Protein backbone atom coordinates (compact mmCIF):
# COMPACT_ATOMS: atom_id res chain seq x y z
CA MET A 1 0.00 0.00 0.00
CA SER A 2 1.24 3.51 -0.82
CA GLN A 3 1.76 5.59 2.31
CA GLY A 4 -1.30 7.42 3.57
CA GLY A 5 0.63 9.82 5.80
CA GLN A 6 -0.93 10.16 9.22
CA TYR A 7 -3.83 7.80 8.46
CA SER A 8 -3.85 4.13 9.42
CA ARG A 9 -5.19 1.37 7.20
CA GLU A 10 -8.14 0.98 9.56
CA GLU A 11 -9.06 4.66 9.19
CA ILE A 12 -8.82 4.44 5.41
CA GLU A 13 -10.99 1.28 5.35
CA LYS A 14 -13.60 3.04 7.48
CA GLY A 15 -13.49 5.97 5.06
CA ILE A 16 -14.12 3.64 2.12
CA ALA A 17 -17.08 2.08 3.93
CA LYS A 18 -18.47 5.54 4.66
CA ILE A 19 -18.28 6.53 0.98
CA TYR A 20 -19.97 3.29 -0.06
CA GLN A 21 -22.82 3.84 2.40
CA THR A 22 -23.22 7.47 1.32
CA VAL A 23 -23.49 6.72 -2.40
CA LEU A 24 -25.77 3.70 -1.96
CA GLY A 25 -28.04 5.62 0.41
CA THR A 26 -28.31 8.99 -1.37
CA LYS A 27 -30.74 9.64 -4.22
CA ASN A 28 -29.05 11.55 -7.03
CA ILE A 29 -30.95 14.42 -8.62
CA THR A 30 -28.96 14.18 -11.89
CA ALA A 31 -29.93 10.54 -12.45
CA ARG A 32 -31.80 11.03 -15.72
CA TYR A 33 -29.01 12.98 -17.42
CA ILE A 34 -26.29 10.56 -16.28
CA VAL A 35 -28.24 7.44 -17.31
CA ILE A 36 -28.81 8.84 -20.80
CA LEU A 37 -25.10 9.59 -21.20
CA ALA A 38 -23.89 6.37 -19.54
CA LEU A 39 -26.11 4.16 -21.70
CA ALA A 40 -25.67 6.24 -24.85
CA SER A 41 -24.16 3.18 -26.51
CA LEU A 42 -27.66 1.69 -26.53
CA TRP A 43 -28.98 4.70 -28.45
CA VAL A 44 -26.08 4.39 -30.89
CA ASP A 45 -26.59 0.61 -31.16
CA ALA A 46 -30.33 1.00 -31.81
CA TYR A 47 -29.64 3.70 -34.39
CA ASP A 48 -27.13 1.50 -36.17
CA PHE A 49 -29.43 -1.54 -36.04
CA ALA A 50 -32.50 0.32 -37.31
CA ALA A 51 -30.77 2.39 -39.97
CA PHE A 52 -28.59 -0.36 -41.41
CA THR A 53 -31.51 -2.80 -41.47
CA PHE A 54 -32.93 -0.56 -44.18
CA GLY A 55 -29.50 0.03 -45.72
CA THR A 56 -28.42 -3.57 -46.34
CA ALA A 57 -30.06 -3.69 -49.77
CA ALA A 58 -28.23 -0.52 -50.83
CA PHE A 59 -24.95 -1.95 -49.51
CA LYS A 60 -25.46 -5.14 -51.51
CA ALA A 61 -26.36 -3.13 -54.63
CA THR A 62 -23.16 -1.08 -54.28
CA PHE A 63 -21.01 -4.23 -54.38
CA PRO A 64 -23.05 -6.71 -56.47
CA TRP A 65 -20.03 -9.03 -56.83
CA MET A 66 -20.09 -9.83 -53.10
CA SER A 67 -20.52 -13.48 -52.19
CA SER A 68 -23.29 -14.43 -49.76
CA PHE A 69 -20.66 -15.28 -47.14
CA LEU A 70 -18.96 -11.89 -47.41
CA PHE A 71 -22.30 -10.10 -47.34
CA GLY A 72 -23.33 -12.02 -44.22
CA LEU A 73 -19.96 -11.34 -42.58
CA ALA A 74 -20.20 -7.62 -43.32
CA THR A 75 -23.73 -7.51 -41.91
CA ALA A 76 -22.81 -9.45 -38.75
CA ALA A 77 -19.48 -7.65 -38.21
CA VAL A 78 -20.87 -5.31 -35.53
CA GLN A 79 -22.23 -8.23 -33.48
CA ILE A 80 -18.92 -10.09 -33.77
CA GLY A 81 -16.98 -7.04 -32.63
CA ALA A 82 -19.41 -6.39 -29.78
CA THR A 83 -19.03 -9.97 -28.53
CA ILE A 84 -15.27 -9.44 -28.19
CA GLY A 85 -15.60 -5.85 -26.97
CA ALA A 86 -18.02 -6.76 -24.18
CA VAL A 87 -15.50 -9.04 -22.41
CA ALA A 88 -12.32 -7.08 -23.19
CA GLY A 89 -14.00 -3.72 -22.59
CA GLY A 90 -15.58 -4.90 -19.35
CA TRP A 91 -12.17 -5.91 -18.02
CA LEU A 92 -10.64 -2.62 -19.17
CA THR A 93 -13.46 -0.78 -17.41
CA ASP A 94 -12.24 -2.26 -14.13
CA ARG A 95 -8.61 -1.77 -15.10
CA ILE A 96 -8.42 1.86 -16.25
CA GLY A 97 -11.71 3.31 -15.01
CA ARG A 98 -15.23 3.95 -16.17
CA ARG A 99 -14.72 7.52 -17.38
CA ASN A 100 -11.61 6.68 -19.43
CA MET A 101 -13.48 3.88 -21.20
CA PHE A 102 -16.44 6.17 -21.90
CA ILE A 103 -14.14 8.54 -23.78
CA ILE A 104 -12.09 5.86 -25.56
CA ASN A 105 -15.17 3.95 -26.70
CA MET A 106 -16.85 6.95 -28.29
CA ILE A 107 -13.64 8.11 -29.98
CA LEU A 108 -13.25 4.64 -31.47
CA PHE A 109 -16.89 4.49 -32.55
CA THR A 110 -16.76 7.95 -34.15
CA VAL A 111 -13.65 7.16 -36.20
CA MET A 112 -14.79 3.65 -37.21
CA ALA A 113 -18.32 4.76 -38.21
CA ILE A 114 -16.97 7.47 -40.52
CA GLY A 115 -14.36 5.04 -41.85
CA ALA A 116 -17.09 2.48 -42.62
CA GLY A 117 -19.09 5.14 -44.45
CA LEU A 118 -16.10 5.88 -46.67
CA ALA A 119 -15.03 2.26 -47.16
CA PRO A 120 -14.05 1.47 -50.78
CA ASP A 121 -14.90 -2.24 -50.55
CA PRO A 122 -16.71 -4.78 -48.32
CA TYR A 123 -13.44 -6.01 -46.77
CA THR A 124 -12.50 -2.58 -45.46
CA PHE A 125 -16.08 -2.01 -44.40
CA THR A 126 -16.11 -5.25 -42.41
CA GLY A 127 -12.87 -4.33 -40.63
CA PHE A 128 -14.22 -0.93 -39.61
CA ARG A 129 -17.51 -2.47 -38.48
CA ILE A 130 -15.80 -5.09 -36.28
CA ALA A 131 -13.84 -2.31 -34.54
CA LEU A 132 -17.04 -0.27 -34.26
CA GLY A 133 -18.78 -3.27 -32.69
CA PHE A 134 -15.92 -3.62 -30.21
CA ALA A 135 -16.59 -0.06 -29.05
CA LEU A 136 -20.32 -0.75 -28.71
CA GLY A 137 -19.83 -3.91 -26.66
CA ALA A 138 -17.25 -2.30 -24.42
CA ASP A 139 -19.30 0.84 -23.91
CA THR A 140 -22.44 -1.04 -22.91
CA ALA A 141 -20.48 -2.91 -20.22
CA THR A 142 -19.02 0.39 -19.03
CA GLY A 143 -22.42 2.09 -18.98
CA PHE A 144 -24.13 -0.53 -16.83
CA ALA A 145 -21.22 -0.62 -14.38
CA TYR A 146 -21.26 3.16 -14.10
CA ILE A 147 -24.94 3.68 -13.36
CA PHE A 148 -24.83 0.96 -10.70
CA GLU A 149 -22.06 2.90 -8.98
CA TYR A 150 -23.50 6.36 -9.46
CA LEU A 151 -27.03 5.84 -8.19
CA GLU A 152 -28.70 4.91 -4.91
CA LYS A 153 -29.72 1.24 -4.41
CA THR A 154 -33.34 1.68 -5.54
CA GLN A 155 -32.57 4.23 -8.24
CA ARG A 156 -30.05 2.04 -10.00
CA LEU A 157 -32.51 -0.82 -10.42
CA PHE A 158 -35.16 1.52 -11.79
CA TRP A 159 -32.91 3.34 -14.23
CA SER A 160 -30.97 0.30 -15.43
CA ASN A 161 -34.26 -1.39 -16.29
CA LEU A 162 -35.06 1.47 -18.65
CA TRP A 163 -32.38 0.27 -21.07
CA GLN A 164 -34.84 -1.61 -23.26
CA LEU A 165 -37.05 1.47 -23.46
CA GLN A 166 -34.11 3.50 -24.75
CA TRP A 167 -33.35 0.88 -27.40
CA TYR A 168 -36.89 0.56 -28.77
CA LEU A 169 -37.52 4.30 -28.58
CA MET A 170 -34.37 5.04 -30.54
CA TYR A 171 -35.40 2.50 -33.18
CA LEU A 172 -38.63 4.41 -33.82
CA ILE A 173 -36.86 7.79 -33.70
CA THR A 174 -34.31 6.60 -36.26
CA ILE A 175 -37.04 5.60 -38.70
CA ALA A 176 -38.76 8.96 -38.22
CA ILE A 177 -35.77 11.32 -38.47
CA VAL A 178 -33.30 9.40 -40.66
CA VAL A 179 -34.82 6.54 -42.68
CA LEU A 180 -37.99 8.27 -43.89
CA PRO A 181 -36.31 11.64 -44.73
CA LEU A 182 -33.57 9.86 -46.69
CA TYR A 183 -36.19 7.86 -48.54
CA ALA A 184 -38.11 11.07 -49.31
CA ILE A 185 -34.94 12.62 -50.77
CA LEU A 186 -33.59 9.62 -52.67
CA HIS A 187 -36.96 8.00 -53.53
CA THR A 188 -35.38 4.57 -53.07
CA LEU A 189 -33.68 2.37 -50.47
CA LEU A 190 -31.17 1.10 -53.03
CA HIS A 191 -29.15 4.26 -53.74
CA PRO A 192 -25.39 3.67 -53.10
CA ILE A 193 -25.14 6.84 -51.01
CA TYR A 194 -27.86 5.63 -48.63
CA TRP A 195 -25.80 3.29 -46.44
CA ARG A 196 -22.81 5.65 -46.51
CA VAL A 197 -24.89 8.53 -45.13
CA ILE A 198 -26.24 6.21 -42.41
CA MET A 199 -22.73 5.23 -41.31
CA ILE A 200 -21.37 8.79 -41.27
CA LEU A 201 -24.41 10.09 -39.38
CA GLY A 202 -23.71 7.40 -36.76
CA GLY A 203 -20.21 8.84 -36.36
CA VAL A 204 -21.62 12.36 -35.97
CA PHE A 205 -24.05 11.10 -33.35
CA ALA A 206 -21.21 9.36 -31.46
CA PHE A 207 -19.12 12.55 -31.58
CA ILE A 208 -21.96 14.50 -29.95
CA VAL A 209 -22.12 11.87 -27.20
CA LEU A 210 -18.34 12.16 -26.79
CA MET A 211 -18.57 15.91 -26.27
CA LEU A 212 -21.36 15.54 -23.70
CA ARG A 213 -19.42 12.86 -21.86
CA SER A 214 -16.28 14.98 -21.54
CA ARG A 215 -17.50 16.34 -18.19
CA ILE A 216 -18.83 13.10 -16.73
CA PRO A 217 -17.05 12.27 -13.43
CA GLU A 218 -15.31 9.02 -12.55
CA SER A 219 -17.16 6.40 -10.50
CA VAL A 220 -16.84 7.29 -6.81
CA LEU A 221 -17.12 3.64 -5.74
CA TRP A 222 -14.40 2.52 -8.16
CA LEU A 223 -12.06 5.21 -6.81
CA ALA A 224 -12.90 4.50 -3.18
CA TYR A 225 -12.37 0.76 -3.53
CA GLN A 226 -8.75 1.41 -4.50
CA GLY A 227 -8.19 3.86 -1.64
CA ARG A 228 -8.31 7.10 -3.65
CA LEU A 229 -10.45 8.82 -1.03
CA ALA A 230 -9.47 12.45 -1.68
CA THR A 231 -10.51 12.20 -5.34
CA ALA A 232 -13.70 10.33 -4.39
CA LYS A 233 -14.57 13.02 -1.81
CA ARG A 234 -14.03 15.80 -4.32
CA ILE A 235 -16.38 14.16 -6.83
CA LEU A 236 -18.94 13.53 -4.09
CA LYS A 237 -18.86 17.23 -3.22
CA GLN A 238 -19.19 18.32 -6.85
CA THR A 239 -21.82 15.78 -7.89
CA TYR A 240 -23.88 15.08 -4.78
CA GLY A 241 -23.18 18.26 -2.79
CA ILE A 242 -22.06 16.11 0.14
CA ASP A 243 -18.98 16.81 2.24
CA LEU A 244 -17.46 14.01 4.33
CA PRO A 245 -14.96 15.69 6.67
CA ASP A 246 -14.54 12.52 8.73
CA VAL A 247 -13.21 10.57 5.72
CA PRO A 248 -9.39 10.75 5.34
CA ASP A 249 -8.40 13.30 2.71
CA VAL A 250 -5.79 11.11 1.04
CA ASP A 251 -5.21 9.14 -2.18
CA VAL A 252 -3.44 5.82 -1.60
CA THR A 253 -3.09 2.57 -3.51
CA LEU A 254 -4.79 0.26 -1.07
CA ARG A 255 -5.99 -2.30 -3.62
CA LYS A 256 -5.35 -2.75 -7.31
CA VAL A 257 -8.14 -3.67 -9.73
CA ALA A 258 -8.03 -6.02 -12.74
CA ARG A 259 -4.31 -6.61 -12.30
CA SER A 260 -3.96 -9.19 -15.09
CA TRP A 261 -5.98 -10.91 -17.79
CA LYS A 262 -6.70 -13.69 -15.29
CA SER A 263 -8.94 -11.24 -13.45
CA ALA A 264 -11.21 -11.19 -16.53
CA PHE A 265 -12.37 -14.62 -15.33
CA SER A 266 -12.51 -13.80 -11.62
CA ILE A 267 -16.30 -13.73 -11.54
CA PHE A 268 -16.48 -17.45 -12.38
CA ARG A 269 -16.40 -18.88 -8.89
CA ARG A 270 -18.39 -21.53 -7.09
CA ASN A 271 -20.31 -19.25 -4.73
CA LYS A 272 -21.72 -17.27 -7.68
CA TRP A 273 -22.82 -20.11 -9.97
CA LYS A 274 -26.55 -19.52 -9.51
CA GLU A 275 -26.27 -15.81 -10.28
CA LEU A 276 -24.14 -16.48 -13.36
CA VAL A 277 -26.35 -19.22 -14.82
CA TYR A 278 -29.51 -17.21 -14.11
CA CYS A 279 -28.21 -14.02 -15.75
CA PHE A 280 -26.19 -15.48 -18.59
CA ASN A 281 -28.91 -17.90 -19.70
CA GLY A 282 -31.48 -15.09 -19.63
CA ASN A 283 -29.23 -12.84 -21.72
CA PHE A 284 -28.50 -15.59 -24.24
CA GLU A 285 -32.13 -16.74 -24.49
CA GLN A 286 -33.58 -13.28 -25.02
CA ALA A 287 -31.01 -12.47 -27.71
CA ILE A 288 -31.64 -15.70 -29.59
CA GLU A 289 -35.41 -15.22 -29.60
CA PHE A 290 -35.10 -11.61 -30.73
CA TYR A 291 -32.51 -12.12 -33.46
CA THR A 292 -34.09 -15.38 -34.66
CA PHE A 293 -37.72 -14.28 -34.70
CA GLY A 294 -37.85 -10.53 -34.00
CA PHE A 295 -35.18 -9.53 -36.50
CA TYR A 296 -36.64 -11.73 -39.27
CA MET A 297 -40.28 -10.95 -38.47
CA PRO A 298 -40.82 -8.72 -41.58
CA TYR A 299 -39.29 -11.44 -43.75
CA ILE A 300 -41.62 -14.06 -42.23
CA LEU A 301 -44.69 -11.87 -42.78
CA LEU A 302 -43.86 -11.31 -46.42
CA THR A 303 -42.71 -14.80 -47.38
CA MET A 304 -45.68 -16.49 -45.70
CA HIS A 305 -48.00 -13.99 -47.38
CA LEU A 306 -49.46 -12.92 -44.05
CA ALA A 307 -49.10 -9.27 -45.05
CA GLY A 308 -48.06 -7.00 -47.86
CA SER A 309 -45.29 -4.39 -47.70
CA LEU A 310 -47.38 -1.60 -46.18
CA ALA A 311 -49.05 -3.90 -43.65
CA THR A 312 -45.64 -5.26 -42.67
CA ILE A 313 -44.35 -1.74 -41.95
CA GLU A 314 -47.47 -0.95 -39.94
CA ALA A 315 -47.19 -4.21 -37.98
CA SER A 316 -43.52 -3.49 -37.23
CA ALA A 317 -44.43 -0.07 -35.88
CA VAL A 318 -47.00 -1.69 -33.58
CA PHE A 319 -44.48 -4.22 -32.25
CA TYR A 320 -41.79 -1.67 -31.50
CA GLY A 321 -44.43 0.57 -29.94
CA VAL A 322 -45.27 -2.33 -27.63
CA GLY A 323 -41.54 -2.52 -26.83
CA VAL A 324 -41.60 1.12 -25.72
CA VAL A 325 -44.64 0.51 -23.49
CA ALA A 326 -43.01 -2.59 -21.99
CA GLY A 327 -39.79 -0.64 -21.38
CA ILE A 328 -41.71 1.88 -19.29
CA ALA A 329 -43.67 -0.87 -17.53
CA THR A 330 -40.60 -2.84 -16.43
CA ALA A 331 -39.04 0.19 -14.75
CA TYR A 332 -42.38 0.88 -13.00
CA PHE A 333 -42.74 -2.75 -11.86
CA THR A 334 -39.16 -3.15 -10.62
CA PRO A 335 -39.53 -1.49 -7.18
CA ARG A 336 -42.98 -3.06 -6.77
CA ILE A 337 -42.69 -6.72 -7.77
CA GLY A 338 -38.95 -7.06 -8.23
CA THR A 339 -36.66 -8.35 -10.98
CA LYS A 340 -37.09 -12.12 -10.56
CA SER A 341 -40.89 -11.94 -10.91
CA GLN A 342 -40.56 -10.02 -14.17
CA TYR A 343 -37.84 -12.36 -15.44
CA VAL A 344 -40.08 -15.41 -14.93
CA LEU A 345 -43.30 -13.74 -16.07
CA GLY A 346 -41.67 -12.24 -19.17
CA ALA A 347 -40.09 -15.52 -20.26
CA PHE A 348 -43.40 -17.32 -19.70
CA LEU A 349 -45.37 -14.75 -21.75
CA ALA A 350 -42.80 -14.97 -24.55
CA SER A 351 -43.14 -18.76 -24.50
CA VAL A 352 -46.95 -18.65 -24.72
CA ALA A 353 -46.77 -16.08 -27.53
CA LEU A 354 -44.24 -18.13 -29.52
CA PHE A 355 -46.44 -21.22 -29.30
CA GLY A 356 -49.41 -19.05 -30.38
CA LEU A 357 -47.39 -17.86 -33.37
CA ALA A 358 -46.54 -21.47 -34.27
CA PHE A 359 -50.24 -22.31 -34.43
CA THR A 360 -50.88 -19.15 -36.46
CA PHE A 361 -48.30 -20.25 -39.04
CA LEU A 362 -49.51 -23.85 -39.03
CA TYR A 363 -53.21 -23.10 -39.54
CA HIS A 364 -52.76 -19.89 -41.55
CA TRP A 365 -54.74 -17.81 -39.09
CA PRO A 366 -55.43 -14.13 -39.98
CA LEU A 367 -52.96 -11.29 -39.59
CA TRP A 368 -54.65 -9.81 -36.52
CA LEU A 369 -53.82 -12.97 -34.55
CA PHE A 370 -50.18 -12.72 -35.65
CA VAL A 371 -50.12 -9.10 -34.47
CA LEU A 372 -51.71 -10.11 -31.14
CA TRP A 373 -49.26 -12.93 -30.42
CA ALA A 374 -46.27 -10.92 -31.64
CA SER A 375 -47.28 -8.01 -29.38
CA VAL A 376 -47.49 -10.35 -26.39
CA PHE A 377 -44.09 -11.70 -27.38
CA TYR A 378 -42.48 -8.25 -27.47
CA PHE A 379 -44.04 -7.26 -24.15
CA GLY A 380 -42.87 -10.44 -22.42
CA HIS A 381 -39.47 -10.24 -24.08
CA VAL A 382 -38.82 -6.71 -22.83
CA ILE A 383 -40.02 -7.06 -19.22
CA GLY A 384 -38.40 -10.50 -18.93
CA PRO A 385 -34.77 -11.61 -19.32
CA ALA A 386 -34.05 -8.86 -21.87
CA SER A 387 -34.21 -6.27 -19.07
CA GLN A 388 -33.57 -8.34 -15.96
CA GLY A 389 -30.49 -10.23 -17.15
CA MET A 390 -28.21 -7.18 -17.39
CA THR A 391 -29.71 -5.50 -14.34
CA SER A 392 -29.25 -8.62 -12.20
CA ILE A 393 -25.65 -9.36 -13.21
CA ASN A 394 -24.64 -5.83 -12.22
CA ALA A 395 -26.46 -6.15 -8.90
CA ALA A 396 -24.57 -9.36 -8.11
CA PHE A 397 -21.02 -7.95 -8.18
CA GLY A 398 -19.18 -5.10 -6.49
CA ALA A 399 -17.05 -2.19 -7.69
CA SER A 400 -13.88 -4.27 -7.97
CA GLU A 401 -15.27 -6.48 -10.77
CA ARG A 402 -18.58 -5.00 -11.88
CA GLY A 403 -17.20 -3.91 -15.25
CA THR A 404 -15.96 -7.45 -15.89
CA ALA A 405 -19.33 -8.91 -14.84
CA ALA A 406 -21.26 -6.47 -17.04
CA GLY A 407 -18.96 -7.33 -19.94
CA TRP A 408 -19.58 -11.05 -19.60
CA GLY A 409 -23.29 -10.39 -19.26
CA TYR A 410 -23.37 -8.45 -22.53
CA PHE A 411 -21.10 -11.05 -24.14
CA TRP A 412 -23.93 -13.57 -23.86
CA VAL A 413 -26.37 -11.06 -25.34
CA LYS A 414 -24.19 -10.56 -28.37
CA LEU A 415 -23.28 -14.24 -28.67
CA GLY A 416 -27.02 -14.97 -28.85
CA ALA A 417 -27.36 -12.23 -31.46
CA VAL A 418 -24.62 -13.74 -33.64
CA TRP A 419 -26.03 -17.26 -33.26
CA GLY A 420 -29.62 -16.22 -33.89
CA SER A 421 -29.02 -14.00 -36.90
CA PHE A 422 -26.69 -16.57 -38.48
CA TRP A 423 -28.85 -19.66 -38.02
CA ALA A 424 -32.33 -18.18 -38.50
CA PRO A 425 -32.26 -18.28 -42.34
CA TYR A 426 -31.27 -21.96 -42.17
CA LEU A 427 -33.95 -22.80 -39.60
CA LEU A 428 -36.62 -21.00 -41.62
CA VAL A 429 -35.85 -23.30 -44.56
CA VAL A 430 -35.37 -26.58 -42.68
CA ILE A 431 -38.03 -26.49 -39.95
CA LYS A 432 -40.06 -23.55 -41.24
CA PRO A 433 -41.35 -20.65 -39.10
CA THR A 434 -43.70 -23.09 -37.33
CA GLY A 435 -40.90 -25.34 -36.08
CA MET A 436 -38.60 -22.42 -35.30
CA THR A 437 -41.12 -20.64 -33.06
CA GLU A 438 -41.91 -23.94 -31.33
CA VAL A 439 -38.23 -24.46 -30.49
CA LEU A 440 -37.92 -20.87 -29.27
CA GLY A 441 -41.09 -21.31 -27.19
CA ILE A 442 -39.65 -24.41 -25.49
CA TYR A 443 -36.41 -22.55 -24.67
CA ALA A 444 -38.34 -19.56 -23.29
CA LEU A 445 -40.44 -21.87 -21.09
CA ALA A 446 -37.30 -23.65 -19.82
CA THR A 447 -35.79 -20.23 -19.03
CA ALA A 448 -38.88 -19.26 -17.03
CA ILE A 449 -38.70 -22.49 -15.02
CA LEU A 450 -34.95 -22.11 -14.44
CA GLY A 451 -35.46 -18.52 -13.30
CA LEU A 452 -38.16 -19.62 -10.89
CA ILE A 453 -35.84 -22.21 -9.32
CA ILE A 454 -32.47 -20.40 -9.06
CA GLY A 455 -33.29 -16.75 -9.74
CA PHE A 456 -32.84 -13.89 -7.28
CA ASP A 457 -34.54 -10.55 -6.75
CA ALA A 458 -32.03 -7.73 -7.18
CA ARG A 459 -34.03 -5.60 -4.73
CA LYS A 460 -33.23 -8.03 -1.92
CA TYR A 461 -29.67 -8.83 -2.96
CA HIS A 462 -27.24 -7.50 -0.37
CA PRO A 463 -25.22 -4.69 -2.01
CA PRO A 464 -21.93 -6.38 -3.04
CA GLU A 465 -19.98 -3.22 -2.23
CA LEU A 466 -20.76 -3.62 1.47
CA THR A 467 -19.84 -7.31 1.44
CA GLU A 468 -16.69 -6.41 -0.50
CA GLU A 469 -15.69 -3.93 2.16
CA VAL A 470 -16.33 -6.31 5.07
CA LYS A 471 -14.11 -8.96 3.44
CA ALA A 472 -11.36 -6.43 2.85
CA GLN A 473 -11.31 -5.53 6.53
């Protein structure tokens, strides 16, 4: 330990505990602003997903010589990069700090998005998009870790569970302010400039986020855990308006965080197996069902002749509108019925809806039944593991390894995204939409049962920071 002058280790440890208790017990009036900035990667991710969904045809038309494999690789590049970035970025979040990663991630995204927009060929484009995905995965891990260390115990559960709302809301906003205006100007979705404008606008958006983040403070809990009490106190005074004169005014190196790459696997220990299985399975399951069914839903509607082009667009708007409603509902329900109840209920509703969709496909029921079941699916999906998985994994670990835990949590989200988007076209041919939704329904039901047996309510989970501090003493 670096020398703390006139302060003993016991006094410094008591100071750390005091800071922990202060942050976890004080409601922060700047919560809304900080959450928006901390989880800005979700806005950027949703923008990229929504905009490029409509830009893939233009990208393919620009390079008609592309093989199907190269086209698929270019399309999936962001998810591949995010899978790697979630784990590596989560570890770096613990290693070099939350604020530093916020800045680095957005710089990388800005540069890579503009580079992708100017790419001369699919190979260069894919390289830029993998690096861009790395920034997205890393930034999401950083964002979740940060809001769990910035907000009071109840606040952080409420605000973290709004992440799905932000994603679905941004999807609709992107269509309204980017996709439709570009279509009105170009009169087509196939113009070669279309996907390039989308990419460059993503870089501009990320640069704005970067500028807004330049004044965001470092995590007080991350600083305090290491023994940097003077810096933590100064941020507490500036951000919360709280002065702690009884806490030693000293910065020491009491404990080091994420000292080696081995620490990237420190969360995998026997006493946490239930939390890890519960959260990781939920994250993986929700991603598979979304990227297997949700992502290909317009394709299913059109190919099964359930709807025409206009009806498909209208149905999509309804589904994502349901996602917005569910995003608000899950934050409202969290302090009232908890996270485990929503996890189980959401997975069960998604299962019932997927089985309903299977029957709709099998017996060629009318479009309104498809819309009904799909709406139930989206509602259950959002309030269930899609929201609770990331919230719960962050509630289960303390400041010393929360970034790593958040990174692994998001790794399973993105791994499910890669798996689902890659295999869905094959499944749609081999077992048809009927068989695919049946398989997804069985997995969702199994997830609900597993959650019921081993799940935990993040409201009642003892704050890991306090346990962390007791062990240290």
